[in-house]
Every structure is written in C-alpha cells, then in structure tokens.
C-alpha cells in the first residue's frame, strides 16, 4: 500500500514552510493531515482558506467541532 509522504515542518521549504508555520502558530502543533497536504502548497493553502472561511459562519465553535467529530 502506498502512503502519502508527510512533510515535517523543520525540513519544509518555501510556501510549504510558511503555511506549516502558520498552522503551528495557530494550533500549537502541525496535524498529520496538514503535513501531507504540504506536498502541494496550493492544496494546503486552499484547505486553510476554506477552513478560515467556514470558521466565520454563524454556528458557534462548539457546534462546529461536534459536527466535525460526528462526520469524521
């Protein structure tokens, strides 16, 4: 089974490094999913943009987290 290589923030370069640093600054850690997305900085940037936009919605943070857990 092939696996997607995860980029460690310490060895990332360019745009991927910037984005992973932003994730770490916001969350205090870099989740595995974002490390995998860092293989394509465009994908990671799009995901972070979508996440940011969705966080501006009308649902409270607790409700959004409960929905994310139920869906996951």
PDB file of N, CA and C in Angstrom:
ATOM      1  N   UNK A   1       0.843  -1.168   0.000  1.00  0.00           N
ATOM      2  CA  UNK A   1       0.000   0.000   0.000  1.00  0.00           C
ATOM      3  C   UNK A   1       0.898   1.244   0.000  1.00  0.00           C
ATOM      4  N   UNK A   2       0.659   2.135  -0.929  1.00  0.00           N
ATOM      5  CA  UNK A   2       1.463   3.358  -0.957  1.00  0.00           C
ATOM      6  C   UNK A   2       0.916   4.366   0.046  1.00  0.00           C
ATOM      7  N   UNK A   3       1.785   5.186   0.540  1.00  0.00           N
ATOM      8  CA  UNK A   3       1.405   6.196   1.525  1.00  0.00           C
ATOM      9  C   UNK A   3       1.833   7.566   1.028  1.00  0.00           C
ATOM     10  N   UNK A   4       1.133   8.560   1.490  1.00  0.00           N
ATOM     11  CA  UNK A   4       1.487   9.928   1.148  1.00  0.00           C
ATOM     12  C   UNK A   4       2.551  10.402   2.132  1.00  0.00           C
ATOM     13  N   UNK A   5       3.654  10.870   1.597  1.00  0.00           N
ATOM     14  CA  UNK A   5       4.756  11.370   2.416  1.00  0.00           C
ATOM     15  C   UNK A   5       4.306  12.619   3.169  1.00  0.00           C
ATOM     16  N   UNK A   6       4.632  12.688   4.439  1.00  0.00           N
ATOM     17  CA  UNK A   6       4.308  13.857   5.248  1.00  0.00           C
ATOM     18  C   UNK A   6       5.543  14.730   5.384  1.00  0.00           C
ATOM     19  N   UNK A   7       5.353  16.023   5.145  1.00  0.00           N
ATOM     20  CA  UNK A   7       6.455  16.973   5.219  1.00  0.00           C
ATOM     21  C   UNK A   7       6.592  17.467   6.661  1.00  0.00           C
ATOM     22  N   UNK A   8       7.747  17.264   7.245  1.00  0.00           N
ATOM     23  CA  UNK A   8       7.999  17.771   8.597  1.00  0.00           C
ATOM     24  C   UNK A   8       8.219  19.281   8.513  1.00  0.00           C
ATOM     25  N   UNK A   9       7.625  20.043   9.413  1.00  0.00           N
ATOM     26  CA  UNK A   9       7.787  21.500   9.373  1.00  0.00           C
ATOM     27  C   UNK A   9       9.248  21.946   9.424  1.00  0.00           C
ATOM     28  N   UNK A  10      10.094  21.172  10.093  1.00  0.00           N
ATOM     29  CA  UNK A  10      11.506  21.534  10.242  1.00  0.00           C
ATOM     30  C   UNK A  10      12.269  21.452   8.922  1.00  0.00           C
ATOM     31  N   UNK A  11      11.806  20.632   7.992  1.00  0.00           N
ATOM     32  CA  UNK A  11      12.515  20.462   6.724  1.00  0.00           C
ATOM     33  C   UNK A  11      11.771  21.064   5.543  1.00  0.00           C
ATOM     34  N   UNK A  12      10.604  21.617   5.784  1.00  0.00           N
ATOM     35  CA  UNK A  12       9.823  22.233   4.706  1.00  0.00           C
ATOM     36  C   UNK A  12      10.545  23.473   4.195  1.00  0.00           C
ATOM     37  N   UNK A  13      10.283  23.789   2.930  1.00  0.00           N
ATOM     38  CA  UNK A  13      10.885  24.982   2.328  1.00  0.00           C
ATOM     39  C   UNK A  13       9.819  25.798   1.613  1.00  0.00           C
ATOM     40  N   UNK A  14      10.120  27.039   1.355  1.00  0.00           N
ATOM     41  CA  UNK A  14       9.250  27.892   0.560  1.00  0.00           C
ATOM     42  C   UNK A  14       7.873  28.094   1.161  1.00  0.00           C
ATOM     43  N   UNK A  15       6.889  28.058   0.282  1.00  0.00           N
ATOM     44  CA  UNK A  15       5.496  28.309   0.679  1.00  0.00           C
ATOM     45  C   UNK A  15       5.004  27.269   1.688  1.00  0.00           C
ATOM     46  N   UNK A  16       5.416  26.019   1.514  1.00  0.00           N
ATOM     47  CA  UNK A  16       5.005  24.969   2.457  1.00  0.00           C
ATOM     48  C   UNK A  16       5.485  25.299   3.860  1.00  0.00           C
ATOM     49  N   UNK A  17       6.703  25.799   3.982  1.00  0.00           N
ATOM     50  CA  UNK A  17       7.245  26.165   5.290  1.00  0.00           C
ATOM     51  C   UNK A  17       6.424  27.291   5.923  1.00  0.00           C
ATOM     52  N   UNK A  18       6.075  28.286   5.120  1.00  0.00           N
ATOM     53  CA  UNK A  18       5.273  29.401   5.622  1.00  0.00           C
ATOM     54  C   UNK A  18       3.911  28.927   6.130  1.00  0.00           C
ATOM     55  N   UNK A  19       3.265  28.077   5.344  1.00  0.00           N
ATOM     56  CA  UNK A  19       1.930  27.601   5.703  1.00  0.00           C
ATOM     57  C   UNK A  19       1.964  26.708   6.940  1.00  0.00           C
ATOM     58  N   UNK A  20       2.950  25.822   7.012  1.00  0.00           N
ATOM     59  CA  UNK A  20       3.051  24.949   8.185  1.00  0.00           C
ATOM     60  C   UNK A  20       3.377  25.759   9.439  1.00  0.00           C
ATOM     61  N   UNK A  21       4.175  26.797   9.295  1.00  0.00           N
ATOM     62  CA  UNK A  21       4.475  27.671  10.438  1.00  0.00           C
ATOM     63  C   UNK A  21       3.208  28.389  10.903  1.00  0.00           C
ATOM     64  N   UNK A  22       2.362  28.788   9.954  1.00  0.00           N
ATOM     65  CA  UNK A  22       1.099  29.439  10.308  1.00  0.00           C
ATOM     66  C   UNK A  22       0.182  28.476  11.055  1.00  0.00           C
ATOM     67  N   UNK A  23       0.137  27.229  10.595  1.00  0.00           N
ATOM     68  CA  UNK A  23      -0.686  26.219  11.272  1.00  0.00           C
ATOM     69  C   UNK A  23      -0.177  25.990  12.691  1.00  0.00           C
ATOM     70  N   UNK A  24       1.134  25.851  12.833  1.00  0.00           N
ATOM     71  CA  UNK A  24       1.709  25.631  14.163  1.00  0.00           C
ATOM     72  C   UNK A  24       1.453  26.824  15.074  1.00  0.00           C
ATOM     73  N   UNK A  25       1.550  28.016  14.526  1.00  0.00           N
ATOM     74  CA  UNK A  25       1.286  29.213  15.318  1.00  0.00           C
ATOM     75  C   UNK A  25      -0.152  29.278  15.813  1.00  0.00           C
ATOM     76  N   UNK A  26      -1.074  28.817  14.981  1.00  0.00           N
ATOM     77  CA  UNK A  26      -2.489  28.873  15.345  1.00  0.00           C
ATOM     78  C   UNK A  26      -2.894  27.736  16.285  1.00  0.00           C
ATOM     79  N   UNK A  27      -2.409  26.530  15.986  1.00  0.00           N
ATOM     80  CA  UNK A  27      -2.845  25.353  16.748  1.00  0.00           C
ATOM     81  C   UNK A  27      -1.846  24.910  17.822  1.00  0.00           C
ATOM     82  N   UNK A  28      -0.602  25.328  17.694  1.00  0.00           N
ATOM     83  CA  UNK A  28       0.420  24.879  18.629  1.00  0.00           C
ATOM     84  C   UNK A  28       1.085  23.583  18.206  1.00  0.00           C
ATOM     85  N   UNK A  29       0.588  22.971  17.139  1.00  0.00           N
ATOM     86  CA  UNK A  29       1.150  21.746  16.576  1.00  0.00           C
ATOM     87  C   UNK A  29       0.762  21.685  15.111  1.00  0.00           C
ATOM     88  N   UNK A  30       1.342  20.753  14.388  1.00  0.00           N
ATOM     89  CA  UNK A  30       1.021  20.590  12.973  1.00  0.00           C
ATOM     90  C   UNK A  30       0.408  19.203  12.792  1.00  0.00           C
ATOM     91  N   UNK A  31      -0.914  19.137  12.548  1.00  0.00           N
ATOM     92  CA  UNK A  31      -1.570  17.835  12.373  1.00  0.00           C
ATOM     93  C   UNK A  31      -1.021  17.069  11.161  1.00  0.00           C
ATOM     94  N   UNK A  32      -1.107  15.759  11.211  1.00  0.00           N
ATOM     95  CA  UNK A  32      -0.608  14.913  10.128  1.00  0.00           C
ATOM     96  C   UNK A  32      -1.265  15.243   8.790  1.00  0.00           C
ATOM     97  N   UNK A  33      -2.552  15.576   8.804  1.00  0.00           N
ATOM     98  CA  UNK A  33      -3.251  15.882   7.562  1.00  0.00           C
ATOM     99  C   UNK A  33      -2.629  17.093   6.867  1.00  0.00           C
ATOM    100  N   UNK A  34      -2.267  18.114   7.629  1.00  0.00           N
ATOM    101  CA  UNK A  34      -1.666  19.294   7.012  1.00  0.00           C
ATOM    102  C   UNK A  34      -0.240  19.007   6.559  1.00  0.00           C
ATOM    103  N   UNK A  35       0.453  18.129   7.240  1.00  0.00           N
ATOM    104  CA  UNK A  35       1.795  17.725   6.797  1.00  0.00           C
ATOM    105  C   UNK A  35       1.711  17.029   5.447  1.00  0.00           C
ATOM    106  N   UNK A  36       0.693  16.207   5.255  1.00  0.00           N
ATOM    107  CA  UNK A  36       0.513  15.526   3.973  1.00  0.00           C
ATOM    108  C   UNK A  36       0.123  16.524   2.886  1.00  0.00           C
ATOM    109  N   UNK A  37      -0.727  17.473   3.217  1.00  0.00           N
ATOM    110  CA  UNK A  37      -1.141  18.481   2.235  1.00  0.00           C
ATOM    111  C   UNK A  37       0.019  19.380   1.829  1.00  0.00           C
ATOM    112  N   UNK A  38       1.041  19.490   2.660  1.00  0.00           N
ATOM    113  CA  UNK A  38       2.182  20.348   2.366  1.00  0.00           C
ATOM    114  C   UNK A  38       2.967  19.872   1.147  1.00  0.00           C
ATOM    115  N   UNK A  39       2.715  18.644   0.679  1.00  0.00           N
ATOM    116  CA  UNK A  39       3.339  18.185  -0.562  1.00  0.00           C
ATOM    117  C   UNK A  39       2.937  19.075  -1.731  1.00  0.00           C
ATOM    118  N   UNK A  40       1.757  19.652  -1.650  1.00  0.00           N
ATOM    119  CA  UNK A  40       1.285  20.615  -2.641  1.00  0.00           C
ATOM    120  C   UNK A  40       0.842  21.861  -1.885  1.00  0.00           C
ATOM    121  N   UNK A  41       1.698  22.868  -1.803  1.00  0.00           N
ATOM    122  CA  UNK A  41       1.323  24.071  -1.064  1.00  0.00           C
ATOM    123  C   UNK A  41       0.002  24.684  -1.516  1.00  0.00           C
ATOM    124  N   UNK A  42      -0.345  24.523  -2.790  1.00  0.00           N
ATOM    125  CA  UNK A  42      -1.618  25.049  -3.283  1.00  0.00           C
ATOM    126  C   UNK A  42      -2.795  24.354  -2.592  1.00  0.00           C
ATOM    127  N   UNK A  43      -2.685  23.049  -2.390  1.00  0.00           N
ATOM    128  CA  UNK A  43      -3.740  22.297  -1.704  1.00  0.00           C
ATOM    129  C   UNK A  43      -3.837  22.753  -0.249  1.00  0.00           C
ATOM    130  N   UNK A  44      -2.708  22.856   0.416  1.00  0.00           N
ATOM    131  CA  UNK A  44      -2.706  23.274   1.818  1.00  0.00           C
ATOM    132  C   UNK A  44      -3.251  24.689   1.959  1.00  0.00           C
ATOM    133  N   UNK A  45      -2.851  25.573   1.067  1.00  0.00           N
ATOM    134  CA  UNK A  45      -3.339  26.955   1.120  1.00  0.00           C
ATOM    135  C   UNK A  45      -4.847  27.009   0.887  1.00  0.00           C
ATOM    136  N   UNK A  46      -5.341  26.202  -0.052  1.00  0.00           N
ATOM    137  CA  UNK A  46      -6.778  26.145  -0.309  1.00  0.00           C
ATOM    138  C   UNK A  46      -7.547  25.612   0.891  1.00  0.00           C
ATOM    139  N   UNK A  47      -7.017  24.562   1.508  1.00  0.00           N
ATOM    140  CA  UNK A  47      -7.665  23.987   2.694  1.00  0.00           C
ATOM    141  C   UNK A  47      -7.715  24.998   3.834  1.00  0.00           C
ATOM    142  N   UNK A  48      -6.609  25.694   4.060  1.00  0.00           N
ATOM    143  CA  UNK A  48      -6.570  26.680   5.141  1.00  0.00           C
ATOM    144  C   UNK A  48      -7.513  27.845   4.857  1.00  0.00           C
ATOM    145  N   UNK A  49      -7.607  28.236   3.597  1.00  0.00           N
ATOM    146  CA  UNK A  49      -8.544  29.295   3.222  1.00  0.00           C
ATOM    147  C   UNK A  49      -9.986  28.873   3.451  1.00  0.00           C
ATOM    148  N   UNK A  50     -10.315  27.647   3.056  1.00  0.00           N
ATOM    149  CA  UNK A  50     -11.667  27.127   3.265  1.00  0.00           C
ATOM    150  C   UNK A  50     -11.976  27.017   4.754  1.00  0.00           C
ATOM    151  N   UNK A  51     -11.041  26.502   5.517  1.00  0.00           N
ATOM    152  CA  UNK A  51     -11.248  26.378   6.958  1.00  0.00           C
ATOM    153  C   UNK A  51     -11.470  27.735   7.599  1.00  0.00           C
ATOM    154  N   UNK A  52     -10.690  28.710   7.164  1.00  0.00           N
ATOM    155  CA  UNK A  52     -10.837  30.065   7.697  1.00  0.00           C
ATOM    156  C   UNK A  52     -12.184  30.658   7.355  1.00  0.00           C
ATOM    157  N   UNK A  53     -12.643  30.437   6.130  1.00  0.00           N
ATOM    158  CA  UNK A  53     -13.941  30.961   5.717  1.00  0.00           C
ATOM    159  C   UNK A  53     -15.075  30.301   6.493  1.00  0.00           C
ATOM    160  N   UNK A  54     -14.976  29.001   6.675  1.00  0.00           N
ATOM    161  CA  UNK A  54     -16.028  28.290   7.406  1.00  0.00           C
ATOM    162  C   UNK A  54     -16.080  28.698   8.870  1.00  0.00           C
ATOM    163  N   UNK A  55     -14.956  29.096   9.427  1.00  0.00           N
ATOM    164  CA  UNK A  55     -14.941  29.494  10.835  1.00  0.00           C
ATOM    165  C   UNK A  55     -15.649  30.830  11.055  1.00  0.00           C
ATOM    166  N   UNK A  56     -15.914  31.547   9.973  1.00  0.00           N
ATOM    167  CA  UNK A  56     -16.617  32.827  10.076  1.00  0.00           C
ATOM    168  C   UNK A  56     -18.129  32.662   9.997  1.00  0.00           C
ATOM    169  N   UNK A  57     -18.609  31.423   9.968  1.00  0.00           N
ATOM    170  CA  UNK A  57     -20.045  31.151   9.866  1.00  0.00           C
ATOM    171  C   UNK A  57     -20.805  31.514  11.129  1.00  0.00           C
ATOM    172  N   UNK A  58     -22.093  31.246  11.104  1.00  0.00           N
ATOM    173  CA  UNK A  58     -22.953  31.642  12.230  1.00  0.00           C
ATOM    174  C   UNK A  58     -23.025  30.597  13.341  1.00  0.00           C
ATOM    175  N   UNK A  59     -22.511  29.385  13.098  1.00  0.00           N
ATOM    176  CA  UNK A  59     -22.556  28.363  14.143  1.00  0.00           C
ATOM    177  C   UNK A  59     -21.462  28.613  15.176  1.00  0.00           C
ATOM    178  N   UNK A  60     -21.766  28.365  16.441  1.00  0.00           N
ATOM    179  CA  UNK A  60     -20.732  28.503  17.466  1.00  0.00           C
ATOM    180  C   UNK A  60     -19.622  27.457  17.267  1.00  0.00           C
ATOM    181  N   UNK A  61     -18.429  27.775  17.749  1.00  0.00           N
ATOM    182  CA  UNK A  61     -17.275  26.887  17.589  1.00  0.00           C
ATOM    183  C   UNK A  61     -17.545  25.491  18.152  1.00  0.00           C
ATOM    184  N   UNK A  62     -18.227  25.405  19.291  1.00  0.00           N
ATOM    185  CA  UNK A  62     -18.502  24.109  19.906  1.00  0.00           C
ATOM    186  C   UNK A  62     -19.374  23.253  18.992  1.00  0.00           C
ATOM    187  N   UNK A  63     -20.372  23.854  18.385  1.00  0.00           N
ATOM    188  CA  UNK A  63     -21.263  23.122  17.479  1.00  0.00           C
ATOM    189  C   UNK A  63     -20.507  22.668  16.240  1.00  0.00           C
ATOM    190  N   UNK A  64     -19.655  23.537  15.688  1.00  0.00           N
ATOM    191  CA  UNK A  64     -18.861  23.156  14.506  1.00  0.00           C
ATOM    192  C   UNK A  64     -17.952  21.978  14.837  1.00  0.00           C
ATOM    193  N   UNK A  65     -17.358  21.989  16.013  1.00  0.00           N
ATOM    194  CA  UNK A  65     -16.483  20.888  16.424  1.00  0.00           C
ATOM    195  C   UNK A  65     -17.276  19.593  16.595  1.00  0.00           C
ATOM    196  N   UNK A  66     -18.466  19.683  17.151  1.00  0.00           N
ATOM    197  CA  UNK A  66     -19.301  18.481  17.322  1.00  0.00           C
ATOM    198  C   UNK A  66     -19.690  17.899  15.963  1.00  0.00           C
ATOM    199  N   UNK A  67     -20.008  18.759  15.015  1.00  0.00           N
ATOM    200  CA  UNK A  67     -20.344  18.286  13.669  1.00  0.00           C
ATOM    201  C   UNK A  67     -19.131  17.631  13.034  1.00  0.00           C
ATOM    202  N   UNK A  68     -17.962  18.256  13.155  1.00  0.00           N
ATOM    203  CA  UNK A  68     -16.745  17.683  12.586  1.00  0.00           C
ATOM    204  C   UNK A  68     -16.439  16.318  13.185  1.00  0.00           C
ATOM    205  N   UNK A  69     -16.632  16.149  14.471  1.00  0.00           N
ATOM    206  CA  UNK A  69     -16.389  14.856  15.113  1.00  0.00           C
ATOM    207  C   UNK A  69     -17.385  13.810  14.650  1.00  0.00           C
ATOM    208  N   UNK A  70     -18.648  14.224  14.500  1.00  0.00           N
ATOM    209  CA  UNK A  70     -19.672  13.274  14.065  1.00  0.00           C
ATOM    210  C   UNK A  70     -19.416  12.832  12.613  1.00  0.00           C
ATOM    211  N   UNK A  71     -19.025  13.751  11.770  1.00  0.00           N
ATOM    212  CA  UNK A  71     -18.759  13.427  10.372  1.00  0.00           C
ATOM    213  C   UNK A  71     -17.499  12.583  10.253  1.00  0.00           C
ATOM    214  N   UNK A  72     -16.469  12.925  11.050  1.00  0.00           N
ATOM    215  CA  UNK A  72     -15.205  12.199  10.991  1.00  0.00           C
ATOM    216  C   UNK A  72     -15.358  10.796  11.501  1.00  0.00           C
TER     217      UNK A  72
END
